[in-house]
Amino acid sequence: MLDEGGHVLLALTVASLARWLTSMWSSRVRRGQFVRVGKVSELNLYPVKSCPGIPLQSARAESAGLVSEGLHDRQWMLVRANGDFLSQRQYSKMALVRVSNHHDNIHLDAPGQPTLVLPKNPPVDQSRLMMTRVWGLKVLGMDCGDEAARWFQTFLQAEGVRLVVSSGPMPKKDSSKMLKPWGNPAQPGDLALFSDCGGYLVMNDASLEDLNGRLQNKVTFKSFRPNIVVSGSQAFAEDCWEEIRIGETNPLYFRMLDPCTRCILTTVNPDTGERNKDRQPLETLKKFRCMPPYGDDPIFGVNAALDNNGTIQIGDPVYALLK
């Protein structure tokens, strides 16, 4: 016979099971409401934060971002001596740093500079660990050494710049801890390395076409750095996506978090490393993409979090659960 404590435990167990079954049923019903919105037309992995990416045909999708041949998205980052992150906001010439994948190493090339060779996943050295900050959120990084620091200091003509890496078992950034004025929809366990927000940034190519229709000088996705580009949908349809499912046999499920707010970084020409004197396309975006509650910064693209790991490739069908 059960005593009073046993009855309480049984009741709690039954209640917990009921909640789980309800959640599973609700999830299945909701996932049956997905509608096809297009296909994957671009995949991009950005090894060094705020530097050009590597276009891919396929990749491993994991919670912290895309992975290809052992190379992770936003695995390296430039920082000040105090750990604050740096980007093209401060040094637009970062747009000219080319990153390429070579077996166990990556190569970094820039005008007038010798090739910098770095191991993809160096062993963790406790003496080189330092606390960095990405928009105020603390993230552990490991200093890549003096050679890498001198390479960037010389190219950018910037003293004190250091390069850090997130390697192997080092703890990753929990995106749910980031503070945003409009709230943060990320959940505990939504990981990233050194990206601004979540592990993924999703965009719709019809949205870029709409923007280009308003501009004299056309821009490309290089200015916006998405990981996943979807083709075949309507302009800014991504604003209404609550979740997306990519693939058929073993589909990936992404939760759309919040829109990506845009800044002066979008005005950097990815081919020259120079800022547009008319602050385009940012000024045009401000005319029609500033929406509450996101303030004076226009939105373009959506941050996303992945619920299961798997493979993603160009041509995969994309389905959306609408808000």
Protein backbone atom coordinates (compact mmCIF):
# COMPACT_ATOMS: atom_id res chain seq x y z
CA MET A 1 0.00 0.00 0.00
CA LEU A 2 1.14 3.54 -0.71
CA ASP A 3 1.60 5.98 2.17
CA GLU A 4 0.69 9.65 1.81
CA GLY A 5 4.12 10.51 0.38
CA GLY A 6 3.78 7.73 -2.17
CA HIS A 7 0.40 9.02 -3.29
CA VAL A 8 1.84 12.51 -3.72
CA LEU A 9 4.78 11.18 -5.73
CA LEU A 10 2.45 9.11 -7.92
CA ALA A 11 0.21 12.12 -8.50
CA LEU A 12 3.18 14.26 -9.49
CA THR A 13 4.45 11.55 -11.82
CA VAL A 14 1.07 11.19 -13.49
CA ALA A 15 0.75 14.97 -13.83
CA SER A 16 4.22 15.21 -15.33
CA LEU A 17 3.45 12.40 -17.78
CA ALA A 18 0.18 14.08 -18.74
CA ARG A 19 1.99 17.36 -19.45
CA TRP A 20 4.57 15.53 -21.56
CA LEU A 21 1.91 13.68 -23.56
CA THR A 22 -0.03 16.92 -24.08
CA SER A 23 3.14 18.65 -25.23
CA MET A 24 3.97 15.83 -27.65
CA TRP A 25 0.42 15.80 -29.03
CA SER A 26 0.43 19.59 -29.44
CA SER A 27 3.81 19.46 -31.17
CA ARG A 28 2.62 16.82 -33.63
CA VAL A 29 -0.55 18.76 -34.40
CA ARG A 30 1.39 21.97 -34.91
CA ARG A 31 4.02 20.30 -37.06
CA GLY A 32 1.25 19.00 -39.25
CA GLN A 33 0.44 22.63 -40.03
CA PHE A 34 3.75 23.38 -41.75
CA VAL A 35 3.44 24.76 -45.27
CA ARG A 36 6.16 24.74 -47.90
CA VAL A 37 7.75 28.17 -48.35
CA GLY A 38 10.74 27.44 -50.58
CA LYS A 39 14.10 25.70 -50.60
CA VAL A 40 17.60 26.26 -49.28
CA SER A 41 19.50 28.32 -51.87
CA GLU A 42 22.60 29.33 -49.86
CA LEU A 43 24.57 27.98 -46.91
CA ASN A 44 27.36 30.08 -45.42
CA LEU A 45 29.79 29.37 -42.61
CA TYR A 46 31.71 32.28 -41.04
CA PRO A 47 34.79 30.92 -39.22
CA VAL A 48 36.01 34.35 -38.04
CA LYS A 49 33.36 36.67 -36.65
CA SER A 50 32.77 39.70 -38.94
CA CYS A 51 35.05 38.34 -41.68
CA PRO A 52 33.84 36.87 -45.00
CA GLY A 53 32.29 33.43 -44.95
CA ILE A 54 32.76 30.17 -46.81
CA PRO A 55 29.87 29.13 -49.10
CA LEU A 56 28.89 25.47 -48.69
CA GLN A 57 26.89 22.90 -50.61
CA SER A 58 26.12 20.94 -47.45
CA ALA A 59 26.99 21.06 -43.77
CA ARG A 60 26.36 19.50 -40.40
CA ALA A 61 23.81 21.55 -38.46
CA GLU A 62 24.37 21.52 -34.71
CA SER A 63 22.87 23.55 -31.87
CA ALA A 64 25.73 26.08 -31.84
CA GLY A 65 25.78 26.58 -35.63
CA LEU A 66 26.93 25.07 -38.91
CA VAL A 67 29.94 22.73 -38.99
CA SER A 68 31.93 21.71 -42.06
CA GLU A 69 35.01 19.46 -42.01
CA GLY A 70 35.62 20.26 -38.36
CA LEU A 71 35.24 24.00 -38.88
CA HIS A 72 32.61 25.79 -36.79
CA ASP A 73 30.66 28.98 -37.40
CA ARG A 74 32.04 32.06 -35.58
CA GLN A 75 34.77 29.95 -33.99
CA TRP A 76 37.29 32.84 -33.94
CA MET A 77 36.83 36.45 -32.89
CA LEU A 78 38.89 39.63 -32.63
CA VAL A 79 38.92 41.33 -29.23
CA ARG A 80 40.41 44.30 -27.45
CA ALA A 81 42.90 43.66 -24.66
CA ASN A 82 40.00 43.87 -22.17
CA GLY A 83 38.05 41.13 -23.99
CA ASP A 84 35.42 43.29 -25.75
CA PHE A 85 34.69 41.95 -29.22
CA LEU A 86 35.60 43.81 -32.40
CA SER A 87 33.94 43.79 -35.80
CA GLN A 88 33.62 45.72 -39.05
CA ARG A 89 31.87 48.39 -37.00
CA GLN A 90 35.33 49.42 -35.80
CA TYR A 91 37.53 48.03 -38.61
CA SER A 92 35.80 47.84 -41.98
CA LYS A 93 38.94 46.27 -43.54
CA MET A 94 37.98 43.01 -41.82
CA ALA A 95 35.76 42.53 -44.90
CA LEU A 96 38.94 41.84 -46.92
CA VAL A 97 40.18 38.94 -44.80
CA ARG A 98 39.64 35.71 -46.74
CA VAL A 99 39.27 32.48 -44.78
CA SER A 100 39.79 29.05 -46.37
CA ASN A 101 39.65 25.48 -45.11
CA HIS A 102 42.76 23.26 -45.40
CA HIS A 103 42.60 19.83 -43.74
CA ASP A 104 43.47 20.43 -40.05
CA ASN A 105 44.07 24.16 -40.50
CA ILE A 106 42.46 27.34 -41.73
CA HIS A 107 44.29 29.91 -43.83
CA LEU A 108 43.71 33.64 -43.48
CA ASP A 109 44.73 35.92 -46.34
CA ALA A 110 44.52 39.69 -46.75
CA PRO A 111 46.03 42.27 -49.12
CA GLY A 112 49.73 42.76 -48.45
CA GLN A 113 49.82 40.09 -45.77
CA PRO A 114 51.47 36.64 -45.69
CA THR A 115 49.09 33.72 -45.18
CA LEU A 116 48.27 33.13 -41.52
CA VAL A 117 47.86 29.42 -40.74
CA LEU A 118 45.86 28.41 -37.67
CA PRO A 119 44.86 24.95 -36.36
CA LYS A 120 41.13 24.31 -36.49
CA ASN A 121 40.84 22.97 -32.98
CA PRO A 122 43.98 23.70 -30.94
CA PRO A 123 44.40 21.96 -27.58
CA VAL A 124 43.04 23.97 -24.69
CA ASP A 125 45.79 25.83 -22.85
CA GLN A 126 44.56 27.07 -19.47
CA SER A 127 47.21 29.80 -19.40
CA ARG A 128 45.79 31.39 -22.56
CA LEU A 129 42.12 31.43 -21.56
CA MET A 130 40.46 34.82 -21.26
CA MET A 131 36.95 36.08 -20.65
CA THR A 132 35.54 37.92 -23.66
CA ARG A 133 32.30 39.85 -24.08
CA VAL A 134 29.81 39.75 -26.95
CA TRP A 135 27.25 42.53 -26.42
CA GLY A 136 27.88 42.36 -22.69
CA LEU A 137 27.49 38.58 -22.44
CA LYS A 138 30.61 36.86 -21.12
CA VAL A 139 32.07 34.11 -23.32
CA LEU A 140 35.25 32.15 -22.63
CA GLY A 141 37.89 32.36 -25.38
CA MET A 142 41.48 31.22 -25.83
CA ASP A 143 44.13 33.61 -27.11
CA CYS A 144 45.63 32.44 -30.41
CA GLY A 145 49.08 33.83 -29.65
CA ASP A 146 51.33 36.70 -30.64
CA GLU A 147 51.80 35.75 -34.31
CA ALA A 148 48.05 35.90 -34.98
CA ALA A 149 47.76 39.12 -32.98
CA ARG A 150 50.59 40.79 -34.93
CA TRP A 151 49.05 39.69 -38.23
CA PHE A 152 45.76 41.47 -37.48
CA GLN A 153 47.43 44.45 -35.79
CA THR A 154 49.57 45.01 -38.89
CA PHE A 155 46.73 44.64 -41.38
CA LEU A 156 44.21 46.73 -39.44
CA GLN A 157 46.82 49.21 -38.13
CA ALA A 158 45.34 48.66 -34.68
CA GLU A 159 47.29 48.23 -31.47
CA GLY A 160 46.26 45.76 -28.80
CA VAL A 161 44.01 43.62 -31.03
CA ARG A 162 44.02 39.91 -30.15
CA LEU A 163 42.46 36.86 -31.83
CA VAL A 164 40.64 34.30 -29.70
CA VAL A 165 39.20 30.89 -30.51
CA SER A 166 36.54 28.62 -29.01
CA SER A 167 38.06 25.16 -29.15
CA GLY A 168 36.74 21.68 -28.44
CA PRO A 169 35.30 21.27 -24.94
CA MET A 170 35.41 24.95 -24.02
CA PRO A 171 32.00 26.17 -22.74
CA LYS A 172 29.85 27.88 -25.35
CA LYS A 173 27.65 30.95 -25.13
CA ASP A 174 24.10 30.38 -23.87
CA SER A 175 22.05 32.74 -26.05
CA SER A 176 19.15 32.77 -23.57
CA LYS A 177 21.25 34.83 -21.14
CA MET A 178 21.55 37.76 -23.53
CA LEU A 179 19.61 40.85 -22.43
CA LYS A 180 17.52 42.62 -25.07
CA PRO A 181 15.17 45.59 -24.61
CA TRP A 182 12.29 43.67 -26.22
CA GLY A 183 12.95 40.41 -24.38
CA ASN A 184 14.84 37.30 -25.44
CA PRO A 185 12.91 34.33 -26.89
CA ALA A 186 15.95 32.02 -26.79
CA GLN A 187 15.74 29.08 -24.43
CA PRO A 188 18.41 27.69 -22.06
CA GLY A 189 20.62 25.43 -24.14
CA ASP A 190 20.34 27.54 -27.30
CA LEU A 191 24.08 27.71 -27.82
CA ALA A 192 26.44 29.70 -30.03
CA LEU A 193 30.16 30.33 -30.19
CA PHE A 194 30.91 34.01 -30.83
CA SER A 195 27.88 35.01 -32.92
CA ASP A 196 25.89 38.09 -31.88
CA CYS A 197 22.74 36.19 -30.98
CA GLY A 198 21.75 32.59 -31.74
CA GLY A 199 23.57 29.94 -33.69
CA TYR A 200 21.75 30.72 -36.97
CA LEU A 201 20.65 33.66 -39.07
CA VAL A 202 17.98 32.90 -41.68
CA MET A 203 17.08 35.13 -44.63
CA ASN A 204 14.79 35.06 -47.63
CA ASP A 205 16.20 35.98 -51.04
CA ALA A 206 12.95 37.72 -52.07
CA SER A 207 13.57 40.17 -49.23
CA LEU A 208 16.95 41.07 -50.72
CA GLU A 209 15.33 41.49 -54.13
CA ASP A 210 12.78 43.86 -52.58
CA LEU A 211 15.55 45.90 -50.97
CA ASN A 212 17.55 46.03 -54.20
CA GLY A 213 14.48 47.32 -56.00
CA ARG A 214 14.67 50.38 -53.75
CA LEU A 215 18.44 50.96 -54.22
CA GLN A 216 20.52 52.40 -57.03
CA ASN A 217 23.54 50.25 -56.19
CA LYS A 218 22.63 46.63 -55.57
CA VAL A 219 23.78 44.76 -52.47
CA THR A 220 24.35 41.06 -51.91
CA PHE A 221 23.89 38.78 -48.95
CA LYS A 222 27.59 39.31 -48.15
CA SER A 223 26.58 42.53 -46.40
CA PHE A 224 24.16 40.68 -44.11
CA ARG A 225 25.98 37.37 -43.42
CA PRO A 226 23.16 34.81 -43.24
CA ASN A 227 23.87 31.14 -42.52
CA ILE A 228 20.77 29.94 -44.39
CA VAL A 229 19.10 31.61 -47.36
CA VAL A 230 15.66 30.48 -48.51
CA SER A 231 14.40 31.02 -52.06
CA GLY A 232 10.88 30.72 -53.42
CA SER A 233 8.99 32.70 -50.80
CA GLN A 234 7.56 36.21 -50.74
CA ALA A 235 9.53 39.25 -49.59
CA PHE A 236 9.79 39.43 -45.81
CA ALA A 237 7.64 36.33 -45.37
CA GLU A 238 10.19 35.28 -42.75
CA ASP A 239 8.69 37.88 -40.40
CA CYS A 240 5.71 35.53 -40.06
CA TRP A 241 7.58 32.24 -39.58
CA GLU A 242 7.37 30.81 -36.06
CA GLU A 243 9.28 27.60 -36.86
CA ILE A 244 10.82 26.15 -39.99
CA ARG A 245 11.42 22.56 -41.00
CA ILE A 246 14.22 21.81 -43.47
CA GLY A 247 14.52 18.51 -45.30
CA GLU A 248 12.29 15.48 -45.73
CA THR A 249 13.63 12.15 -44.44
CA ASN A 250 15.41 13.44 -41.32
CA PRO A 251 14.17 17.04 -41.12
CA LEU A 252 15.77 19.76 -39.04
CA TYR A 253 13.53 21.91 -36.85
CA PHE A 254 14.44 25.54 -36.21
CA ARG A 255 12.69 27.93 -33.83
CA MET A 256 12.67 31.46 -35.20
CA LEU A 257 13.76 33.73 -32.36
CA ASP A 258 13.70 37.46 -33.07
CA PRO A 259 14.53 39.70 -36.03
CA CYS A 260 18.13 40.73 -36.60
CA THR A 261 18.50 44.47 -36.05
CA ARG A 262 20.84 46.18 -38.50
CA CYS A 263 23.55 48.81 -38.01
CA ILE A 264 26.39 50.65 -39.77
CA LEU A 265 28.06 47.32 -40.53
CA THR A 266 25.68 46.80 -43.48
CA THR A 267 27.19 49.83 -45.23
CA VAL A 268 30.60 48.16 -45.65
CA ASN A 269 31.31 47.10 -49.23
CA PRO A 270 32.41 43.45 -48.90
CA ASP A 271 34.65 43.75 -51.97
CA THR A 272 36.53 46.91 -51.00
CA GLY A 273 36.21 47.12 -47.20
CA GLU A 274 34.98 50.71 -47.52
CA ARG A 275 31.82 52.23 -46.05
CA ASN A 276 29.18 53.67 -48.33
CA LYS A 277 29.29 57.46 -48.08
CA ASP A 278 25.47 57.63 -48.25
CA ARG A 279 25.11 54.97 -45.51
CA GLN A 280 23.35 52.60 -47.88
CA PRO A 281 21.60 50.20 -47.66
CA LEU A 282 21.05 51.10 -43.99
CA GLU A 283 19.27 54.41 -44.68
CA THR A 284 16.88 52.76 -47.13
CA LEU A 285 16.14 49.97 -44.66
CA LYS A 286 15.31 52.57 -42.03
CA LYS A 287 12.56 53.95 -44.28
CA PHE A 288 10.50 50.76 -44.24
CA ARG A 289 11.97 48.18 -41.84
CA CYS A 290 11.94 49.98 -38.46
CA MET A 291 9.23 48.31 -36.42
CA PRO A 292 8.19 48.24 -32.78
CA PRO A 293 9.51 47.11 -30.39
CA TYR A 294 12.94 47.09 -32.08
CA GLY A 295 13.61 50.81 -31.88
CA ASP A 296 15.42 52.87 -34.51
CA ASP A 297 17.43 50.00 -35.99
CA PRO A 298 15.80 48.36 -39.02
CA ILE A 299 15.30 44.60 -39.09
CA PHE A 300 16.45 42.25 -41.83
CA GLY A 301 16.67 38.47 -41.36
CA VAL A 302 15.72 36.37 -38.34
CA ASN A 303 17.83 34.74 -35.64
CA ALA A 304 17.05 31.06 -35.16
CA ALA A 305 17.80 28.14 -32.84
CA LEU A 306 18.04 24.48 -33.84
CA ASP A 307 16.21 21.75 -31.91
CA ASN A 308 17.90 18.68 -33.43
CA ASN A 309 21.17 17.94 -35.20
CA GLY A 310 21.52 16.69 -38.76
CA THR A 311 22.63 17.42 -42.30
CA ILE A 312 21.49 20.39 -44.37
CA GLN A 313 22.22 20.98 -48.05
CA ILE A 314 21.43 23.25 -50.95
CA GLY A 315 18.07 22.36 -52.47
CA ASP A 316 16.50 21.02 -49.27
CA PRO A 317 12.79 21.94 -49.06
CA VAL A 318 11.82 24.47 -46.40
CA TYR A 319 8.49 24.38 -44.58
CA ALA A 320 7.22 27.01 -42.15
CA LEU A 321 4.82 27.06 -39.25
CA LEU A 322 3.21 30.48 -39.47
CA LYS A 323 2.57 32.73 -36.48
